[in-house]
């Protein structure tokens, strides 16, 4: 799709007791849930609700994750999750996401490849032009 600048987003999330282990530290797999929520909110900010997209047979599925844990997040901590789409090609989206702790430290970061699929066939489908248009930064 060329060298475009894509919209990015940031959201906050509170760590709840259910997100932690017995020591009050966030269980690592929950970072994936936080990343998922942030991508959903990013899409919502663009004006697209996933339930409406699914009614049109369009869905997004995670194809690959590379995550690095840097520091623990703790119970009741307010985290920020930055989401940036760094590449879009056909039916493939590459996101860079970072979880930032309350001390402005990097808690975890990930590169997440997401595929656009037809939810009925689970076959890859191109990202629709209207969604792609909203993804591109308009300065």
Protein backbone atom coordinates (compact mmCIF):
# COMPACT_ATOMS: atom_id res chain seq x y z
CA UNK A 1 0.00 0.00 0.00
CA UNK A 2 3.02 2.27 -0.16
CA UNK A 3 4.59 4.44 2.52
CA UNK A 4 1.61 5.89 4.33
CA UNK A 5 1.33 7.37 7.75
CA UNK A 6 -1.39 5.61 9.70
CA UNK A 7 -3.44 6.83 12.62
CA UNK A 8 -2.34 5.79 16.08
CA UNK A 9 -4.21 5.71 19.36
CA UNK A 10 -3.70 5.60 23.10
CA UNK A 11 -6.04 4.33 25.79
CA UNK A 12 -5.83 3.78 29.53
CA UNK A 13 -6.75 0.65 31.41
CA UNK A 14 -6.81 -0.08 35.12
CA UNK A 15 -5.31 -3.35 36.39
CA UNK A 16 -7.99 -5.27 38.27
CA UNK A 17 -7.47 -8.02 40.80
CA UNK A 18 -8.68 -10.57 38.24
CA UNK A 19 -5.77 -9.55 35.98
CA UNK A 20 -3.14 -10.52 38.56
CA UNK A 21 -1.59 -13.56 40.14
CA UNK A 22 -1.45 -14.20 43.89
CA UNK A 23 1.41 -11.70 44.24
CA UNK A 24 -0.55 -8.84 42.67
CA UNK A 25 1.46 -8.93 39.41
CA UNK A 26 -0.34 -8.96 36.03
CA UNK A 27 -0.32 -12.45 34.52
CA UNK A 28 1.58 -12.13 31.22
CA UNK A 29 -1.23 -13.49 29.02
CA UNK A 30 -3.44 -10.63 30.15
CA UNK A 31 -1.19 -8.21 28.27
CA UNK A 32 -2.52 -9.85 25.10
CA UNK A 33 -6.06 -9.04 26.27
CA UNK A 34 -5.05 -5.43 26.90
CA UNK A 35 -3.54 -5.21 23.41
CA UNK A 36 -6.73 -6.66 21.91
CA UNK A 37 -8.91 -4.14 23.73
CA UNK A 38 -6.69 -1.30 22.53
CA UNK A 39 -6.93 -2.43 18.88
CA UNK A 40 -10.71 -2.65 19.24
CA UNK A 41 -10.85 0.88 20.65
CA UNK A 42 -8.54 2.11 17.88
CA UNK A 43 -10.95 0.71 15.29
CA UNK A 44 -13.88 2.26 17.18
CA UNK A 45 -12.13 5.65 17.10
CA UNK A 46 -11.97 5.29 13.33
CA UNK A 47 -15.75 4.85 13.30
CA UNK A 48 -15.98 1.08 12.90
CA UNK A 49 -17.67 -1.26 15.38
CA UNK A 50 -16.57 -4.87 15.10
CA UNK A 51 -20.08 -6.26 15.57
CA UNK A 52 -21.27 -4.22 12.56
CA UNK A 53 -18.29 -5.38 10.52
CA UNK A 54 -19.07 -9.00 11.41
CA UNK A 55 -22.62 -8.46 10.14
CA UNK A 56 -20.91 -7.60 6.83
CA UNK A 57 -18.86 -10.84 7.08
CA UNK A 58 -15.65 -8.96 7.94
CA UNK A 59 -13.48 -9.90 10.89
CA UNK A 60 -9.93 -9.47 12.11
CA UNK A 61 -7.93 -12.37 13.50
CA UNK A 62 -4.48 -12.43 15.07
CA UNK A 63 -2.02 -14.29 12.89
CA UNK A 64 1.26 -13.72 14.75
CA UNK A 65 2.44 -12.12 18.00
CA UNK A 66 5.92 -11.21 19.12
CA UNK A 67 5.76 -9.84 22.66
CA UNK A 68 8.48 -8.70 25.01
CA UNK A 69 7.87 -8.24 28.74
CA UNK A 70 10.04 -5.56 30.31
CA UNK A 71 8.64 -4.84 33.79
CA UNK A 72 5.75 -6.03 35.92
CA UNK A 73 2.44 -4.19 36.11
CA UNK A 74 0.66 -4.39 39.44
CA UNK A 75 -2.82 -4.50 40.89
CA UNK A 76 -4.67 -1.15 40.65
CA UNK A 77 -2.02 0.41 38.40
CA UNK A 78 -3.26 2.66 35.59
CA UNK A 79 -1.63 1.63 32.33
CA UNK A 80 -1.55 3.32 28.95
CA UNK A 81 -1.62 1.26 25.78
CA UNK A 82 -0.30 2.85 22.60
CA UNK A 83 -1.44 1.32 19.35
CA UNK A 84 0.12 2.13 16.01
CA UNK A 85 -0.61 0.55 12.66
CA UNK A 86 2.79 0.42 10.99
CA UNK A 87 1.95 -1.47 7.80
CA UNK A 88 -1.11 -2.51 5.82
CA UNK A 89 -0.94 -4.67 2.74
CA UNK A 90 -3.96 -6.36 1.22
CA UNK A 91 -5.49 -8.43 4.00
CA UNK A 92 -2.62 -8.01 6.46
CA UNK A 93 -2.18 -5.38 9.18
CA UNK A 94 0.94 -5.00 11.33
CA UNK A 95 0.53 -3.25 14.67
CA UNK A 96 3.15 -2.03 17.13
CA UNK A 97 1.71 -1.81 20.63
CA UNK A 98 3.28 -0.68 23.89
CA UNK A 99 1.98 -0.88 27.45
CA UNK A 100 3.30 1.98 29.57
CA UNK A 101 3.22 1.80 33.35
CA UNK A 102 2.30 4.49 35.85
CA UNK A 103 6.00 5.43 36.18
CA UNK A 104 6.24 6.02 32.38
CA UNK A 105 8.14 2.75 32.06
CA UNK A 106 7.64 0.20 29.31
CA UNK A 107 5.82 -2.78 30.76
CA UNK A 108 5.46 -4.78 27.53
CA UNK A 109 5.57 -4.24 23.81
CA UNK A 110 4.45 -6.34 20.89
CA UNK A 111 4.31 -6.56 17.14
CA UNK A 112 1.02 -8.12 16.20
CA UNK A 113 0.08 -9.21 12.68
CA UNK A 114 -3.67 -9.27 12.09
CA UNK A 115 -5.45 -10.72 9.07
CA UNK A 116 -8.67 -9.39 7.61
CA UNK A 117 -10.96 -12.36 6.93
CA UNK A 118 -14.41 -13.24 5.69
CA UNK A 119 -16.01 -14.56 8.90
CA UNK A 120 -18.10 -17.11 6.99
CA UNK A 121 -15.23 -18.76 5.13
CA UNK A 122 -12.30 -17.63 7.33
CA UNK A 123 -10.44 -16.85 4.09
CA UNK A 124 -8.32 -13.69 3.86
CA UNK A 125 -10.06 -10.68 2.36
CA UNK A 126 -8.69 -7.25 1.51
CA UNK A 127 -9.20 -4.50 4.04
CA UNK A 128 -12.17 -2.54 2.62
CA UNK A 129 -11.33 0.80 1.03
CA UNK A 130 -13.47 2.81 3.48
CA UNK A 131 -11.63 1.34 6.47
CA UNK A 132 -8.25 1.76 4.79
CA UNK A 133 -9.12 5.39 4.06
CA UNK A 134 -9.87 6.05 7.73
CA UNK A 135 -6.65 4.30 8.78
CA UNK A 136 -4.52 6.73 6.79
CA UNK A 137 -3.56 9.85 8.70
CA UNK A 138 -5.14 13.00 7.36
CA UNK A 139 -3.11 15.99 8.49
